[in-house]
Amino acid sequence: MKSNRIYNYRLAVFASHLRKINIKKQPHYGQFMSVPLCNIVNGGELYFEVLIHAWLFDCLPILFEEWYYNSNLRSPMLIGFDPNENPIGGVFDFFNLSPNDFRYLFSVESMQDLDSYGGKFIMKDSSVNDIADNITNFVHNRQRQERTN
């Protein structure tokens, strides 16, 4: 099993930053974007979309040197990630997330699987601290799972 130490650290830095920002000053405050996801279920692909805050990942180039702002796409981009791909894919790689992890952490449509992950439902009007709390909860759960395996 691959260690999640670096990924957990990155998520903790991200959650800490979210607790400090004034989201009303974010350039895309109040805007949402749809993110396509794919899960493998019983050998088949299940495609679905989740709605997230459009501003959520704008801070990644400020927090992490592995990110930059791609002015052509008007989006943060993970260095080395194919600019022809959806930039959100870099979030999966950078934090080592599955589609279900992503949905739990960032969806604003109350799609959180609280039985598996704990935490809170996130809705469009949830506070940024609620998102940060779920990230922190996710990191703690992932650390606990690593210790027991």
C-alpha atoms as a PDB file:
ATOM      1  CA  MET A   1       0.000   0.000   0.000  1.00  0.00           C
ATOM      2  CA  LYS A   2       1.318   3.400  -0.994  1.00  0.00           C
ATOM      3  CA  SER A   3       1.938   5.796   1.881  1.00  0.00           C
ATOM      4  CA  ASN A   4      -0.313   8.830   1.885  1.00  0.00           C
ATOM      5  CA  ARG A   5       1.955  10.934   4.120  1.00  0.00           C
ATOM      6  CA  ILE A   6       2.793  13.581   1.484  1.00  0.00           C
ATOM      7  CA  TYR A   7      -0.811  13.644   0.213  1.00  0.00           C
ATOM      8  CA  ASN A   8      -2.167  14.041   3.735  1.00  0.00           C
ATOM      9  CA  TYR A   9       0.299  16.862   4.381  1.00  0.00           C
ATOM     10  CA  ARG A  10      -0.839  18.645   1.216  1.00  0.00           C
ATOM     11  CA  LEU A  11      -4.495  18.247   2.183  1.00  0.00           C
ATOM     12  CA  ALA A  12      -3.747  19.580   5.687  1.00  0.00           C
ATOM     13  CA  VAL A  13      -2.027  22.663   4.196  1.00  0.00           C
ATOM     14  CA  PHE A  14      -4.991  23.172   1.873  1.00  0.00           C
ATOM     15  CA  ALA A  15      -7.529  22.844   4.717  1.00  0.00           C
ATOM     16  CA  SER A  16      -5.542  25.267   6.879  1.00  0.00           C
ATOM     17  CA  HIS A  17      -5.516  27.810   4.058  1.00  0.00           C
ATOM     18  CA  LEU A  18      -9.260  27.461   3.506  1.00  0.00           C
ATOM     19  CA  ARG A  19      -9.879  28.302   7.165  1.00  0.00           C
ATOM     20  CA  LYS A  20      -8.003  31.603   6.747  1.00  0.00           C
ATOM     21  CA  ILE A  21      -9.438  32.997   3.509  1.00  0.00           C
ATOM     22  CA  ASN A  22     -12.317  35.373   3.008  1.00  0.00           C
ATOM     23  CA  ILE A  23     -14.212  33.526   0.295  1.00  0.00           C
ATOM     24  CA  LYS A  24     -16.243  36.597  -0.612  1.00  0.00           C
ATOM     25  CA  LYS A  25     -13.025  38.111  -1.973  1.00  0.00           C
ATOM     26  CA  GLN A  26     -12.336  35.123  -4.242  1.00  0.00           C
ATOM     27  CA  PRO A  27     -12.603  35.986  -7.975  1.00  0.00           C
ATOM     28  CA  HIS A  28     -15.185  33.258  -8.636  1.00  0.00           C
ATOM     29  CA  TYR A  29     -17.127  33.628  -5.384  1.00  0.00           C
ATOM     30  CA  GLY A  30     -20.724  32.482  -5.777  1.00  0.00           C
ATOM     31  CA  GLN A  31     -19.957  30.548  -8.969  1.00  0.00           C
ATOM     32  CA  PHE A  32     -20.021  26.791  -9.333  1.00  0.00           C
ATOM     33  CA  MET A  33     -18.637  24.399 -11.897  1.00  0.00           C
ATOM     34  CA  SER A  34     -19.513  20.869 -12.872  1.00  0.00           C
ATOM     35  CA  VAL A  35     -16.742  18.247 -12.721  1.00  0.00           C
ATOM     36  CA  PRO A  36     -17.076  14.964 -14.638  1.00  0.00           C
ATOM     37  CA  LEU A  37     -16.070  11.875 -12.662  1.00  0.00           C
ATOM     38  CA  CYS A  38     -15.833   8.184 -13.477  1.00  0.00           C
ATOM     39  CA  ASN A  39     -16.014   5.226 -11.095  1.00  0.00           C
ATOM     40  CA  ILE A  40     -15.275   1.625 -12.005  1.00  0.00           C
ATOM     41  CA  VAL A  41     -18.210  -0.479 -10.766  1.00  0.00           C
ATOM     42  CA  ASN A  42     -18.400  -4.244 -11.361  1.00  0.00           C
ATOM     43  CA  GLY A  43     -15.914  -3.912 -14.216  1.00  0.00           C
ATOM     44  CA  GLY A  44     -17.907  -1.170 -15.924  1.00  0.00           C
ATOM     45  CA  GLU A  45     -17.523   2.587 -15.984  1.00  0.00           C
ATOM     46  CA  LEU A  46     -20.052   4.782 -14.221  1.00  0.00           C
ATOM     47  CA  TYR A  47     -19.866   8.426 -15.287  1.00  0.00           C
ATOM     48  CA  PHE A  48     -21.382  11.211 -13.215  1.00  0.00           C
ATOM     49  CA  GLU A  49     -20.838  14.881 -12.467  1.00  0.00           C
ATOM     50  CA  VAL A  50     -20.498  16.800  -9.239  1.00  0.00           C
ATOM     51  CA  LEU A  51     -20.903  20.501  -8.635  1.00  0.00           C
ATOM     52  CA  ILE A  52     -18.080  22.294  -6.786  1.00  0.00           C
ATOM     53  CA  HIS A  53     -17.196  25.882  -5.899  1.00  0.00           C
ATOM     54  CA  ALA A  54     -15.474  27.453  -8.927  1.00  0.00           C
ATOM     55  CA  TRP A  55     -12.935  29.268  -6.705  1.00  0.00           C
ATOM     56  CA  LEU A  56     -11.934  26.231  -4.640  1.00  0.00           C
ATOM     57  CA  PHE A  57      -8.607  25.382  -6.288  1.00  0.00           C
ATOM     58  CA  ASP A  58      -7.507  28.893  -7.292  1.00  0.00           C
ATOM     59  CA  CYS A  59      -5.131  29.003  -4.311  1.00  0.00           C
ATOM     60  CA  LEU A  60      -3.128  25.891  -5.255  1.00  0.00           C
ATOM     61  CA  PRO A  61      -0.434  27.829  -7.200  1.00  0.00           C
ATOM     62  CA  ILE A  62       0.031  30.087  -4.165  1.00  0.00           C
ATOM     63  CA  LEU A  63       0.278  27.199  -1.708  1.00  0.00           C
ATOM     64  CA  PHE A  64       2.303  24.672  -3.692  1.00  0.00           C
ATOM     65  CA  GLU A  65       5.233  25.124  -6.071  1.00  0.00           C
ATOM     66  CA  GLU A  66       3.986  22.123  -8.096  1.00  0.00           C
ATOM     67  CA  TRP A  67       1.101  24.256  -9.401  1.00  0.00           C
ATOM     68  CA  TYR A  68       0.912  27.244 -11.743  1.00  0.00           C
ATOM     69  CA  TYR A  69      -1.881  29.352 -13.189  1.00  0.00           C
ATOM     70  CA  ASN A  70      -2.625  28.466 -16.815  1.00  0.00           C
ATOM     71  CA  SER A  71      -3.822  31.756 -18.297  1.00  0.00           C
ATOM     72  CA  ASN A  72      -5.113  30.089 -21.478  1.00  0.00           C
ATOM     73  CA  LEU A  73      -7.447  27.834 -19.483  1.00  0.00           C
ATOM     74  CA  ARG A  74      -7.894  30.417 -16.707  1.00  0.00           C
ATOM     75  CA  SER A  75      -7.338  27.634 -14.230  1.00  0.00           C
ATOM     76  CA  PRO A  76      -4.684  26.312 -11.857  1.00  0.00           C
ATOM     77  CA  MET A  77      -2.666  23.490 -13.425  1.00  0.00           C
ATOM     78  CA  LEU A  78      -0.374  20.868 -11.937  1.00  0.00           C
ATOM     79  CA  ILE A  79       3.111  21.163 -13.465  1.00  0.00           C
ATOM     80  CA  GLY A  80       3.687  18.335 -15.919  1.00  0.00           C
ATOM     81  CA  PHE A  81      -0.029  17.675 -16.324  1.00  0.00           C
ATOM     82  CA  ASP A  82      -1.270  17.633 -19.918  1.00  0.00           C
ATOM     83  CA  PRO A  83      -2.817  21.078 -20.604  1.00  0.00           C
ATOM     84  CA  ASN A  84      -5.249  19.399 -23.016  1.00  0.00           C
ATOM     85  CA  GLU A  85      -6.728  17.418 -20.121  1.00  0.00           C
ATOM     86  CA  ASN A  86      -9.216  18.692 -17.564  1.00  0.00           C
ATOM     87  CA  PRO A  87      -7.077  20.573 -14.985  1.00  0.00           C
ATOM     88  CA  ILE A  88      -9.150  19.037 -12.178  1.00  0.00           C
ATOM     89  CA  GLY A  89      -7.384  15.744 -12.945  1.00  0.00           C
ATOM     90  CA  GLY A  90      -4.283  17.246 -11.355  1.00  0.00           C
ATOM     91  CA  VAL A  91      -6.201  17.570  -8.076  1.00  0.00           C
ATOM     92  CA  PHE A  92      -6.798  13.798  -8.061  1.00  0.00           C
ATOM     93  CA  ASP A  93      -3.100  13.086  -8.646  1.00  0.00           C
ATOM     94  CA  PHE A  94      -1.756  15.749  -6.292  1.00  0.00           C
ATOM     95  CA  PHE A  95      -3.907  14.673  -3.327  1.00  0.00           C
ATOM     96  CA  ASN A  96      -4.159  10.960  -4.302  1.00  0.00           C
ATOM     97  CA  LEU A  97      -7.972  10.971  -4.421  1.00  0.00           C
ATOM     98  CA  SER A  98     -10.486   8.540  -5.840  1.00  0.00           C
ATOM     99  CA  PRO A  99     -13.669   9.884  -7.485  1.00  0.00           C
ATOM    100  CA  ASN A 100     -15.576   9.053  -4.267  1.00  0.00           C
ATOM    101  CA  ASP A 101     -12.959  10.899  -2.187  1.00  0.00           C
ATOM    102  CA  PHE A 102     -13.282  13.941  -4.468  1.00  0.00           C
ATOM    103  CA  ARG A 103     -17.071  13.879  -4.239  1.00  0.00           C
ATOM    104  CA  TYR A 104     -16.919  13.648  -0.430  1.00  0.00           C
ATOM    105  CA  LEU A 105     -14.437  16.483  -0.088  1.00  0.00           C
ATOM    106  CA  PHE A 106     -15.657  19.018  -2.636  1.00  0.00           C
ATOM    107  CA  SER A 107     -19.217  18.370  -3.894  1.00  0.00           C
ATOM    108  CA  VAL A 108     -21.735  21.039  -2.858  1.00  0.00           C
ATOM    109  CA  GLU A 109     -24.774  18.840  -3.510  1.00  0.00           C
ATOM    110  CA  SER A 110     -24.908  16.908  -0.222  1.00  0.00           C
ATOM    111  CA  MET A 111     -23.350  13.884  -1.930  1.00  0.00           C
ATOM    112  CA  GLN A 112     -21.098  13.032   0.997  1.00  0.00           C
ATOM    113  CA  ASP A 113     -21.091   9.388   2.077  1.00  0.00           C
ATOM    114  CA  LEU A 114     -21.161  10.041   5.810  1.00  0.00           C
ATOM    115  CA  ASP A 115     -21.353   6.322   6.638  1.00  0.00           C
ATOM    116  CA  SER A 116     -17.982   5.711   4.988  1.00  0.00           C
ATOM    117  CA  TYR A 117     -16.255   9.032   5.624  1.00  0.00           C
ATOM    118  CA  GLY A 118     -18.017  10.758   8.538  1.00  0.00           C
ATOM    119  CA  GLY A 119     -18.007  14.557   8.552  1.00  0.00           C
ATOM    120  CA  LYS A 120     -20.790  16.824   7.312  1.00  0.00           C
ATOM    121  CA  PHE A 121     -22.950  17.260   4.262  1.00  0.00           C
ATOM    122  CA  ILE A 122     -21.664  20.103   2.100  1.00  0.00           C
ATOM    123  CA  MET A 123     -24.155  22.311   0.302  1.00  0.00           C
ATOM    124  CA  LYS A 124     -23.852  25.469  -1.788  1.00  0.00           C
ATOM    125  CA  ASP A 125     -24.305  27.638   1.289  1.00  0.00           C
ATOM    126  CA  SER A 126     -22.037  25.626   3.620  1.00  0.00           C
ATOM    127  CA  SER A 127     -19.186  27.542   5.168  1.00  0.00           C
ATOM    128  CA  VAL A 128     -15.627  27.161   3.932  1.00  0.00           C
ATOM    129  CA  ASN A 129     -14.848  25.832   7.422  1.00  0.00           C
ATOM    130  CA  ASP A 130     -17.238  22.928   6.790  1.00  0.00           C
ATOM    131  CA  ILE A 131     -15.210  22.008   3.703  1.00  0.00           C
ATOM    132  CA  ALA A 132     -11.959  22.351   5.680  1.00  0.00           C
ATOM    133  CA  ASP A 133     -13.431  20.200   8.492  1.00  0.00           C
ATOM    134  CA  ASN A 134     -14.286  17.429   6.020  1.00  0.00           C
ATOM    135  CA  ILE A 135     -10.766  17.591   4.579  1.00  0.00           C
ATOM    136  CA  THR A 136      -9.279  17.293   8.078  1.00  0.00           C
ATOM    137  CA  ASN A 137     -11.658  14.421   8.880  1.00  0.00           C
ATOM    138  CA  PHE A 138     -10.663  12.687   5.638  1.00  0.00           C
ATOM    139  CA  VAL A 139      -6.941  12.994   6.468  1.00  0.00           C
ATOM    140  CA  HIS A 140      -7.488  11.566   9.952  1.00  0.00           C
ATOM    141  CA  ASN A 141      -9.472   8.639   8.529  1.00  0.00           C
ATOM    142  CA  ARG A 142      -6.818   7.924   5.923  1.00  0.00           C
ATOM    143  CA  GLN A 143      -4.073   8.004   8.578  1.00  0.00           C
ATOM    144  CA  ARG A 144      -6.101   5.658  10.795  1.00  0.00           C
ATOM    145  CA  GLN A 145      -6.588   3.209   7.910  1.00  0.00           C
ATOM    146  CA  GLU A 146      -2.852   3.207   7.159  1.00  0.00           C
ATOM    147  CA  ARG A 147      -2.009   2.430  10.780  1.00  0.00           C
ATOM    148  CA  THR A 148      -4.389  -0.541  10.852  1.00  0.00           C
ATOM    149  CA  ASN A 149      -3.190  -2.028   7.531  1.00  0.00           C
END
